[in-house]
Amino acid sequence: MPPAGLFSGDIVYDGRLLDDIHGADQKNYVATIARLRNLPVTVVHPGHESPFDGTRLREIADACIAARP
């Protein structure tokens, strides 16, 4: 399979995720993270912080999902 990149913008990055700010919808955010977690991504280009690989994406997603209702 060829490398697959994800330009995630503000959805996921390797830093404190701001999903608890006014107007945020945590339920939809967690659903989005769960969908991204299952993509065959080899590199993530976030809107903030440095790029990271698919393994780190799954770690971030798993932590986010586990921490929220």
Protein backbone atom coordinates (compact mmCIF):
# COMPACT_ATOMS: atom_id res chain seq x y z
CA MET A 1 0.00 0.00 0.00
CA PRO A 2 1.37 3.47 -0.87
CA PRO A 3 1.98 5.97 1.93
CA ALA A 4 -1.15 7.83 2.98
CA GLY A 5 -0.96 11.32 4.41
CA LEU A 6 -3.60 13.08 6.49
CA PHE A 7 -3.82 16.87 6.70
CA SER A 8 -5.74 17.02 9.98
CA GLY A 9 -5.86 20.74 10.66
CA ASP A 10 -7.18 21.35 14.17
CA ILE A 11 -8.86 17.94 14.52
CA VAL A 12 -5.83 16.06 15.81
CA TYR A 13 -2.29 17.12 16.67
CA ASP A 14 0.37 15.98 19.14
CA GLY A 15 -0.42 18.41 21.92
CA ARG A 16 -3.23 19.26 24.33
CA LEU A 17 -6.46 18.83 22.42
CA LEU A 18 -8.90 21.68 22.97
CA ASP A 19 -12.22 19.87 22.81
CA ASP A 20 -13.59 21.34 26.03
CA ILE A 21 -13.88 24.96 24.90
CA HIS A 22 -17.16 26.88 24.59
CA GLY A 23 -19.21 25.55 21.69
CA ALA A 24 -17.25 22.32 21.31
CA ASP A 25 -19.21 19.11 20.80
CA GLN A 26 -17.23 16.37 22.54
CA LYS A 27 -19.52 13.60 21.32
CA ASN A 28 -18.93 14.51 17.67
CA TYR A 29 -15.24 15.14 18.34
CA VAL A 30 -14.76 11.65 19.78
CA ALA A 31 -16.66 10.15 16.84
CA THR A 32 -14.36 11.99 14.43
CA ILE A 33 -11.24 10.86 16.28
CA ALA A 34 -12.50 7.27 16.20
CA ARG A 35 -12.96 7.47 12.42
CA LEU A 36 -9.50 8.99 11.91
CA ARG A 37 -7.97 6.32 14.13
CA ASN A 38 -8.99 3.61 11.67
CA LEU A 39 -7.59 5.25 8.53
CA PRO A 40 -4.47 3.64 6.97
CA VAL A 41 -2.39 6.77 7.64
CA THR A 42 1.40 6.76 7.51
CA VAL A 43 1.95 10.46 8.26
CA VAL A 44 -0.24 13.14 9.84
CA HIS A 45 0.32 16.81 9.01
CA PRO A 46 -1.50 18.68 11.78
CA GLY A 47 -2.45 22.34 11.86
CA HIS A 48 -0.31 22.69 15.01
CA GLU A 49 2.85 21.00 16.22
CA SER A 50 5.08 18.70 14.15
CA PRO A 51 4.02 15.88 11.78
CA PHE A 52 3.79 12.38 13.27
CA ASP A 53 3.16 8.85 12.07
CA GLY A 54 0.09 6.62 12.03
CA THR A 55 1.15 4.81 15.18
CA ARG A 56 1.17 8.10 17.08
CA LEU A 57 -2.23 8.98 15.57
CA ARG A 58 -3.68 5.78 17.00
CA GLU A 59 -2.07 6.47 20.41
CA ILE A 60 -3.52 9.99 20.50
CA ALA A 61 -6.94 8.72 19.38
CA ASP A 62 -6.98 5.89 21.92
CA ALA A 63 -6.10 8.29 24.76
CA CYS A 64 -8.75 10.78 23.64
CA ILE A 65 -11.45 8.12 23.37
CA ALA A 66 -10.56 6.62 26.76
CA ALA A 67 -10.62 10.02 28.49
CA ARG A 68 -14.06 11.07 27.28
CA PRO A 69 -17.57 9.73 27.80
